[in-house]
Amino acid sequence: MAAGLDITLPDSMTAVWHPPLLAVLALAGVAIAVVGALVPARRAARLTVAEVLRNE
């Protein structure tokens, strides 16, 4: 948008995300997703077929 208005912004306003920080944030997101999926999956794996069919 700045280029469309012929405005030059300083680097401090445009380069706010650095590659190492983005990598850490991506890995943290994957870790949170794995932990969030692991807990219900382990609980479901402990159920017997009869319990699953009764709960449906």
N, C-alpha and C. Protein backbone atom coordinates (compact mmCIF):
# COMPACT_ATOMS: atom_id res chain seq x y z
N MET A 1 0.82 -1.18 0.00
CA MET A 1 0.00 0.00 0.00
C MET A 1 0.87 1.25 0.00
N ALA A 2 1.99 1.17 0.68
CA ALA A 2 2.87 2.32 0.69
C ALA A 2 3.40 2.61 -0.71
N ALA A 3 3.70 1.58 -1.47
CA ALA A 3 4.18 1.79 -2.83
C ALA A 3 3.10 2.41 -3.71
N GLY A 4 1.86 2.05 -3.47
CA GLY A 4 0.77 2.64 -4.23
C GLY A 4 0.59 4.11 -3.96
N LEU A 5 0.95 4.53 -2.76
CA LEU A 5 0.84 5.95 -2.40
C LEU A 5 2.15 6.69 -2.57
N ASP A 6 3.17 6.02 -3.11
CA ASP A 6 4.51 6.60 -3.28
C ASP A 6 5.08 7.10 -1.96
N ILE A 7 4.94 6.28 -0.92
CA ILE A 7 5.48 6.60 0.40
C ILE A 7 6.59 5.60 0.70
N THR A 8 7.70 6.07 1.21
CA THR A 8 8.80 5.19 1.61
C THR A 8 8.76 5.03 3.12
N LEU A 9 8.58 3.78 3.57
CA LEU A 9 8.53 3.49 5.00
C LEU A 9 9.90 3.06 5.48
N PRO A 10 10.26 3.39 6.71
CA PRO A 10 11.54 2.93 7.24
C PRO A 10 11.52 1.41 7.48
N ASP A 11 12.72 0.82 7.46
CA ASP A 11 12.82 -0.63 7.65
C ASP A 11 12.26 -1.09 8.99
N SER A 12 12.32 -0.25 10.00
CA SER A 12 11.80 -0.63 11.32
C SER A 12 10.30 -0.85 11.30
N MET A 13 9.61 -0.28 10.32
CA MET A 13 8.16 -0.46 10.22
C MET A 13 7.77 -1.64 9.35
N THR A 14 8.66 -2.06 8.47
CA THR A 14 8.30 -3.12 7.53
C THR A 14 8.94 -4.47 7.87
N ALA A 15 10.07 -4.48 8.53
CA ALA A 15 10.77 -5.73 8.85
C ALA A 15 10.59 -6.04 10.33
N VAL A 16 9.39 -6.48 10.70
CA VAL A 16 9.11 -6.74 12.11
C VAL A 16 9.24 -8.21 12.48
N TRP A 17 9.13 -9.11 11.51
CA TRP A 17 9.25 -10.54 11.77
C TRP A 17 10.57 -11.02 11.20
N HIS A 18 11.43 -11.55 12.05
CA HIS A 18 12.71 -12.07 11.61
C HIS A 18 12.60 -13.58 11.40
N PRO A 19 13.33 -14.14 10.44
CA PRO A 19 13.20 -15.57 10.13
C PRO A 19 13.38 -16.51 11.32
N PRO A 20 14.35 -16.31 12.23
CA PRO A 20 14.45 -17.23 13.36
C PRO A 20 13.20 -17.19 14.26
N LEU A 21 12.65 -16.02 14.44
CA LEU A 21 11.44 -15.90 15.25
C LEU A 21 10.26 -16.60 14.58
N LEU A 22 10.15 -16.46 13.27
CA LEU A 22 9.08 -17.15 12.55
C LEU A 22 9.22 -18.66 12.65
N ALA A 23 10.46 -19.16 12.60
CA ALA A 23 10.68 -20.60 12.74
C ALA A 23 10.27 -21.09 14.12
N VAL A 24 10.61 -20.33 15.15
CA VAL A 24 10.23 -20.71 16.52
C VAL A 24 8.72 -20.68 16.68
N LEU A 25 8.07 -19.67 16.12
CA LEU A 25 6.61 -19.59 16.22
C LEU A 25 5.94 -20.74 15.48
N ALA A 26 6.47 -21.11 14.33
CA ALA A 26 5.91 -22.24 13.58
C ALA A 26 6.06 -23.54 14.35
N LEU A 27 7.24 -23.75 14.92
CA LEU A 27 7.45 -24.97 15.71
C LEU A 27 6.57 -25.00 16.96
N ALA A 28 6.38 -23.85 17.58
CA ALA A 28 5.50 -23.78 18.75
C ALA A 28 4.06 -24.10 18.35
N GLY A 29 3.64 -23.63 17.20
CA GLY A 29 2.29 -23.94 16.73
C GLY A 29 2.10 -25.41 16.47
N VAL A 30 3.10 -26.04 15.88
CA VAL A 30 3.02 -27.49 15.62
C VAL A 30 3.00 -28.25 16.94
N ALA A 31 3.83 -27.84 17.89
CA ALA A 31 3.86 -28.52 19.19
C ALA A 31 2.53 -28.39 19.92
N ILE A 32 1.92 -27.22 19.87
CA ILE A 32 0.62 -27.03 20.51
C ILE A 32 -0.44 -27.90 19.84
N ALA A 33 -0.40 -28.00 18.51
CA ALA A 33 -1.37 -28.83 17.80
C ALA A 33 -1.19 -30.30 18.13
N VAL A 34 0.06 -30.76 18.24
CA VAL A 34 0.31 -32.17 18.56
C VAL A 34 -0.18 -32.50 19.96
N VAL A 35 0.13 -31.64 20.92
CA VAL A 35 -0.33 -31.88 22.29
C VAL A 35 -1.85 -31.82 22.36
N GLY A 36 -2.44 -30.88 21.65
CA GLY A 36 -3.90 -30.77 21.65
C GLY A 36 -4.60 -31.96 21.02
N ALA A 37 -3.95 -32.63 20.09
CA ALA A 37 -4.55 -33.80 19.46
C ALA A 37 -4.20 -35.08 20.19
N LEU A 38 -3.07 -35.08 20.88
CA LEU A 38 -2.61 -36.30 21.55
C LEU A 38 -3.49 -36.67 22.74
N VAL A 39 -3.92 -35.71 23.50
CA VAL A 39 -4.71 -35.99 24.70
C VAL A 39 -6.03 -36.68 24.36
N PRO A 40 -6.86 -36.13 23.45
CA PRO A 40 -8.09 -36.85 23.12
C PRO A 40 -7.85 -38.17 22.40
N ALA A 41 -6.78 -38.26 21.62
CA ALA A 41 -6.51 -39.51 20.91
C ALA A 41 -6.13 -40.62 21.88
N ARG A 42 -5.34 -40.30 22.89
CA ARG A 42 -4.98 -41.32 23.88
C ARG A 42 -6.21 -41.75 24.67
N ARG A 43 -7.07 -40.80 24.99
CA ARG A 43 -8.28 -41.14 25.73
C ARG A 43 -9.19 -42.03 24.88
N ALA A 44 -9.30 -41.74 23.60
CA ALA A 44 -10.14 -42.55 22.72
C ALA A 44 -9.54 -43.93 22.49
N ALA A 45 -8.22 -44.03 22.49
CA ALA A 45 -7.58 -45.32 22.27
C ALA A 45 -7.79 -46.28 23.43
N ARG A 46 -8.05 -45.75 24.60
CA ARG A 46 -8.27 -46.61 25.78
C ARG A 46 -9.68 -47.18 25.84
N LEU A 47 -10.61 -46.65 25.05
CA LEU A 47 -11.99 -47.12 25.09
C LEU A 47 -12.12 -48.46 24.37
N THR A 48 -13.04 -49.26 24.86
CA THR A 48 -13.35 -50.52 24.17
C THR A 48 -14.38 -50.23 23.08
N VAL A 49 -14.55 -51.18 22.18
CA VAL A 49 -15.51 -51.01 21.10
C VAL A 49 -16.92 -50.87 21.67
N ALA A 50 -17.24 -51.62 22.69
CA ALA A 50 -18.57 -51.55 23.29
C ALA A 50 -18.84 -50.17 23.88
N GLU A 51 -17.85 -49.57 24.52
CA GLU A 51 -18.04 -48.23 25.09
C GLU A 51 -18.25 -47.19 23.99
N VAL A 52 -17.52 -47.33 22.91
CA VAL A 52 -17.66 -46.37 21.80
C VAL A 52 -19.05 -46.50 21.19
N LEU A 53 -19.51 -47.72 20.95
CA LEU A 53 -20.83 -47.91 20.35
C LEU A 53 -21.94 -47.46 21.29
N ARG A 54 -21.75 -47.62 22.57
CA ARG A 54 -22.78 -47.20 23.52
C ARG A 54 -22.86 -45.68 23.59
N ASN A 55 -21.73 -44.99 23.42
CA ASN A 55 -21.72 -43.53 23.48
C ASN A 55 -22.20 -42.84 22.22
N GLU A 56 -22.33 -43.58 21.15
CA GLU A 56 -22.82 -42.97 19.91
C GLU A 56 -24.26 -42.80 20.01
